[in-house]
C-alpha atoms as a PDB file:
ATOM      1  CA  MET A   1      15.274  79.663 123.428  1.00  0.00           C
ATOM      2  CA  LYS A   2      15.424  79.422 119.694  1.00  0.00           C
ATOM      3  CA  TYR A   3      19.118  78.436 119.459  1.00  0.00           C
ATOM      4  CA  VAL A   4      21.996  78.190 121.922  1.00  0.00           C
ATOM      5  CA  GLY A   5      25.422  77.056 120.719  1.00  0.00           C
ATOM      6  CA  ASP A   6      28.162  75.262 122.624  1.00  0.00           C
ATOM      7  CA  ASP A   7      30.348  76.403 125.538  1.00  0.00           C
ATOM      8  CA  ASN A   8      28.123  79.284 126.643  1.00  0.00           C
ATOM      9  CA  VAL A   9      27.570  80.762 130.084  1.00  0.00           C
ATOM     10  CA  LEU A  10      24.198  82.494 130.274  1.00  0.00           C
ATOM     11  CA  VAL A  11      23.000  84.332 133.365  1.00  0.00           C
ATOM     12  CA  GLY A  12      19.545  85.871 133.708  1.00  0.00           C
ATOM     13  CA  LYS A  13      16.377  85.665 131.646  1.00  0.00           C
ATOM     14  CA  PHE A  14      16.559  85.508 127.850  1.00  0.00           C
ATOM     15  CA  PRO A  15      13.806  85.943 125.265  1.00  0.00           C
ATOM     16  CA  GLU A  16      12.314  82.752 123.880  1.00  0.00           C
ATOM     17  CA  ASN A  17      13.507  83.598 120.361  1.00  0.00           C
ATOM     18  CA  ALA A  18      17.145  84.238 121.409  1.00  0.00           C
ATOM     19  CA  VAL A  19      19.830  83.012 119.037  1.00  0.00           C
ATOM     20  CA  ILE A  20      23.196  82.609 120.785  1.00  0.00           C
ATOM     21  CA  GLY A  21      26.346  81.322 119.088  1.00  0.00           C
ATOM     22  CA  ASN A  22      29.288  79.468 120.642  1.00  0.00           C
ATOM     23  CA  GLY A  23      31.716  80.370 123.434  1.00  0.00           C
ATOM     24  CA  ASN A  24      29.829  83.323 124.933  1.00  0.00           C
ATOM     25  CA  VAL A  25      29.480  84.703 128.433  1.00  0.00           C
ATOM     26  CA  ILE A  26      26.280  86.794 128.523  1.00  0.00           C
ATOM     27  CA  TRP A  27      24.449  88.429 131.430  1.00  0.00           C
ATOM     28  CA  ARG A  28      20.978  89.797 131.428  1.00  0.00           C
ATOM     29  CA  ALA A  29      19.104  91.307 134.338  1.00  0.00           C
ATOM     30  CA  THR A  30      19.142  89.031 137.388  1.00  0.00           C
ATOM     31  CA  ASP A  31      16.683  90.963 139.559  1.00  0.00           C
ATOM     32  CA  ALA A  32      13.345  92.744 139.114  1.00  0.00           C
ATOM     33  CA  ALA A  33      15.023  96.169 138.944  1.00  0.00           C
ATOM     34  CA  GLY A  34      17.056  95.162 135.897  1.00  0.00           C
ATOM     35  CA  ASN A  35      20.373  94.851 137.739  1.00  0.00           C
ATOM     36  CA  VAL A  36      23.070  92.307 137.100  1.00  0.00           C
ATOM     37  CA  MET A  37      24.291  91.056 140.457  1.00  0.00           C
ATOM     38  CA  LEU A  38      27.917  89.932 140.722  1.00  0.00           C
ATOM     39  CA  ASN A  39      28.331  89.685 144.466  1.00  0.00           C
ATOM     40  CA  GLN A  40      30.281  86.510 145.061  1.00  0.00           C
ATOM     41  CA  ALA A  41      33.404  84.814 143.763  1.00  0.00           C
ATOM     42  CA  MET A  42      32.825  83.157 140.409  1.00  0.00           C
ATOM     43  CA  ALA A  43      34.489  81.991 137.229  1.00  0.00           C
ATOM     44  CA  MET A  44      32.496  82.117 134.014  1.00  0.00           C
ATOM     45  CA  GLY A  45      33.777  81.009 130.648  1.00  0.00           C
ATOM     46  CA  ARG A  46      35.605  78.075 129.115  1.00  0.00           C
ATOM     47  CA  GLY A  47      38.691  77.346 131.232  1.00  0.00           C
ATOM     48  CA  ALA A  48      38.067  80.270 133.614  1.00  0.00           C
ATOM     49  CA  ARG A  49      39.440  80.002 137.174  1.00  0.00           C
ATOM     50  CA  SER A  50      38.731  82.212 140.143  1.00  0.00           C
ATOM     51  CA  TYR A  51      40.480  82.168 143.507  1.00  0.00           C
ATOM     52  CA  GLY A  52      39.719  83.925 146.747  1.00  0.00           C
ATOM     53  CA  ASP A  53      36.943  86.483 146.394  1.00  0.00           C
ATOM     54  CA  SER A  54      37.586  87.364 142.752  1.00  0.00           C
ATOM     55  CA  ILE A  55      35.509  87.192 139.590  1.00  0.00           C
ATOM     56  CA  ALA A  56      36.973  85.820 136.351  1.00  0.00           C
ATOM     57  CA  ILE A  57      34.987  86.351 133.142  1.00  0.00           C
ATOM     58  CA  GLY A  58      35.758  84.952 129.702  1.00  0.00           C
ATOM     59  CA  ALA A  59      37.605  82.084 128.107  1.00  0.00           C
ATOM     60  CA  ASN A  60      40.664  81.069 130.152  1.00  0.00           C
ATOM     61  CA  ALA A  61      40.207  84.085 132.450  1.00  0.00           C
ATOM     62  CA  LEU A  62      42.120  83.988 135.729  1.00  0.00           C
ATOM     63  CA  GLY A  63      41.047  85.952 138.781  1.00  0.00           C
ATOM     64  CA  GLY A  64      42.558  86.335 142.216  1.00  0.00           C
ATOM     65  CA  LEU A  65      45.884  84.754 141.380  1.00  0.00           C
ATOM     66  CA  LYS A  66      48.879  86.070 143.239  1.00  0.00           C
ATOM     67  CA  PRO A  67      51.187  87.328 140.502  1.00  0.00           C
ATOM     68  CA  VAL A  68      54.616  85.728 140.469  1.00  0.00           C
ATOM     69  CA  ALA A  69      57.445  87.754 138.993  1.00  0.00           C
ATOM     70  CA  LEU A  70      59.121  86.179 135.978  1.00  0.00           C
ATOM     71  CA  GLU A  71      62.488  86.786 137.651  1.00  0.00           C
ATOM     72  CA  GLU A  72      61.479  84.571 140.599  1.00  0.00           C
ATOM     73  CA  LEU A  73      60.392  81.776 138.268  1.00  0.00           C
ATOM     74  CA  LEU A  74      63.582  82.022 136.215  1.00  0.00           C
ATOM     75  CA  ARG A  75      65.684  81.987 139.405  1.00  0.00           C
ATOM     76  CA  GLU A  76      64.010  78.733 140.486  1.00  0.00           C
ATOM     77  CA  LEU A  77      64.390  77.303 136.993  1.00  0.00           C
ATOM     78  CA  ASN A  78      68.108  78.170 136.970  1.00  0.00           C
ATOM     79  CA  GLY A  79      68.469  76.417 140.322  1.00  0.00           C
ATOM     80  CA  LEU A  80      66.729  73.354 138.888  1.00  0.00           C
ATOM     81  CA  ILE A  81      69.095  73.365 135.893  1.00  0.00           C
ATOM     82  CA  GLN A  82      72.142  73.597 138.180  1.00  0.00           C
ATOM     83  CA  GLN A  83      70.934  70.737 140.381  1.00  0.00           C
ATOM     84  CA  ALA A  84      70.065  68.517 137.409  1.00  0.00           C
ATOM     85  CA  SER A  85      73.272  69.195 135.482  1.00  0.00           C
ATOM     86  CA  GLY A  86      75.304  68.073 138.511  1.00  0.00           C
ATOM     87  CA  LEU A  87      73.661  64.629 138.677  1.00  0.00           C
ATOM     88  CA  GLY A  88      75.135  63.188 135.491  1.00  0.00           C
ATOM     89  CA  THR A  89      72.332  60.709 134.694  1.00  0.00           C
ATOM     90  CA  ILE A  90      70.405  60.331 131.447  1.00  0.00           C
ATOM     91  CA  GLU A  91      67.176  61.492 133.140  1.00  0.00           C
ATOM     92  CA  ALA A  92      68.965  64.507 134.626  1.00  0.00           C
ATOM     93  CA  ASP A  93      70.393  65.392 131.194  1.00  0.00           C
ATOM     94  CA  ARG A  94      66.870  65.303 129.714  1.00  0.00           C
ATOM     95  CA  LEU A  95      65.630  67.421 132.600  1.00  0.00           C
ATOM     96  CA  THR A  96      68.437  69.938 132.048  1.00  0.00           C
ATOM     97  CA  ARG A  97      67.707  70.249 128.321  1.00  0.00           C
ATOM     98  CA  GLY A  98      63.957  70.523 128.924  1.00  0.00           C
ATOM     99  CA  ALA A  99      64.415  73.143 131.641  1.00  0.00           C
ATOM    100  CA  MET A 100      66.715  75.172 129.391  1.00  0.00           C
ATOM    101  CA  ASP A 101      64.119  75.048 126.587  1.00  0.00           C
ATOM    102  CA  LEU A 102      61.420  76.099 129.051  1.00  0.00           C
ATOM    103  CA  ARG A 103      63.583  79.005 130.243  1.00  0.00           C
ATOM    104  CA  VAL A 104      63.955  80.282 126.662  1.00  0.00           C
ATOM    105  CA  ALA A 105      60.213  79.875 125.974  1.00  0.00           C
ATOM    106  CA  MET A 106      59.243  81.716 129.181  1.00  0.00           C
ATOM    107  CA  GLN A 107      61.253  84.743 128.098  1.00  0.00           C
ATOM    108  CA  GLN A 108      59.450  85.146 124.773  1.00  0.00           C
ATOM    109  CA  PRO A 109      57.346  88.332 124.405  1.00  0.00           C
ATOM    110  CA  SER A 110      54.022  86.440 124.270  1.00  0.00           C
ATOM    111  CA  PRO A 111      54.614  82.892 125.501  1.00  0.00           C
ATOM    112  CA  ASP A 112      51.934  80.248 125.058  1.00  0.00           C
ATOM    113  CA  LEU A 113      51.141  79.645 128.731  1.00  0.00           C
ATOM    114  CA  GLY A 114      49.225  76.447 128.008  1.00  0.00           C
ATOM    115  CA  ALA A 115      52.205  74.964 126.170  1.00  0.00           C
ATOM    116  CA  LEU A 116      54.528  76.075 128.991  1.00  0.00           C
ATOM    117  CA  ALA A 117      52.268  74.441 131.586  1.00  0.00           C
ATOM    118  CA  THR A 118      52.245  71.201 129.590  1.00  0.00           C
ATOM    119  CA  ALA A 119      56.046  71.280 129.278  1.00  0.00           C
ATOM    120  CA  TRP A 120      56.330  71.892 133.032  1.00  0.00           C
ATOM    121  CA  LYS A 121      54.241  68.777 133.807  1.00  0.00           C
ATOM    122  CA  GLY A 122      56.846  66.608 132.095  1.00  0.00           C
ATOM    123  CA  LEU A 123      59.755  68.427 133.699  1.00  0.00           C
ATOM    124  CA  GLU A 124      58.191  68.119 137.144  1.00  0.00           C
ATOM    125  CA  VAL A 125      57.978  64.334 136.709  1.00  0.00           C
ATOM    126  CA  PHE A 126      61.659  64.211 135.661  1.00  0.00           C
ATOM    127  CA  ALA A 127      62.663  66.451 138.565  1.00  0.00           C
ATOM    128  CA  THR A 128      60.857  64.225 141.060  1.00  0.00           C
ATOM    129  CA  SER A 129      62.382  61.062 139.578  1.00  0.00           C
ATOM    130  CA  CYS A 130      65.820  62.682 139.870  1.00  0.00           C
ATOM    131  CA  GLY A 131      65.155  63.555 143.512  1.00  0.00           C
ATOM    132  CA  ILE A 132      64.935  67.296 142.918  1.00  0.00           C
ATOM    133  CA  VAL A 133      61.950  68.522 144.879  1.00  0.00           C
ATOM    134  CA  ASP A 134      63.330  71.473 146.834  1.00  0.00           C
ATOM    135  CA  GLY A 135      63.342  74.938 145.313  1.00  0.00           C
ATOM    136  CA  ILE A 136      60.723  74.394 142.616  1.00  0.00           C
ATOM    137  CA  ASP A 137      57.631  75.399 144.633  1.00  0.00           C
ATOM    138  CA  LYS A 138      56.885  78.665 142.823  1.00  0.00           C
ATOM    139  CA  LEU A 139      57.313  77.048 139.418  1.00  0.00           C
ATOM    140  CA  GLY A 140      54.861  74.281 140.301  1.00  0.00           C
ATOM    141  CA  GLN A 141      52.360  76.690 141.831  1.00  0.00           C
ATOM    142  CA  PHE A 142      52.528  79.044 138.854  1.00  0.00           C
ATOM    143  CA  PHE A 143      52.153  76.379 136.161  1.00  0.00           C
ATOM    144  CA  ARG A 144      49.362  74.542 137.998  1.00  0.00           C
ATOM    145  CA  SER A 145      47.392  77.814 138.156  1.00  0.00           C
ATOM    146  CA  ILE A 146      47.298  78.054 134.349  1.00  0.00           C
ATOM    147  CA  PRO A 147      44.267  76.463 132.686  1.00  0.00           C
ATOM    148  CA  GLY A 148      45.381  73.078 131.491  1.00  0.00           C
ATOM    149  CA  GLY A 149      48.285  73.178 133.893  1.00  0.00           C
END
């Protein structure tokens, strides 16, 4: 190929003089009849994740994830806040404040999921150090499923 940039996923045969920029997912024919065959689970693209028998295409694409209702996540987060606020330690106070900030951020119209996942990592460490491990399963599962989470 003439030029291929960074972070590309290329499937199939390409002309020798192809010029391809950065961050692309491009398919060309994969069989003699000119078909593109997508017949198995796959994730293609920077940060893409695929679970089960799904196909995820594109940057940070997610496929096959079981959707978790925001209400369920907020219910668990409220439970975490209640447990932490009852402990009365410095770590628990930090956990409470962080969880309250996370709750507000999760309810924004277009939250930055990567930033939320990063915030959750810190809160999960605080929760574990405070002995709070029950009732935060869905939160952990959801945030770990996010790219970078």
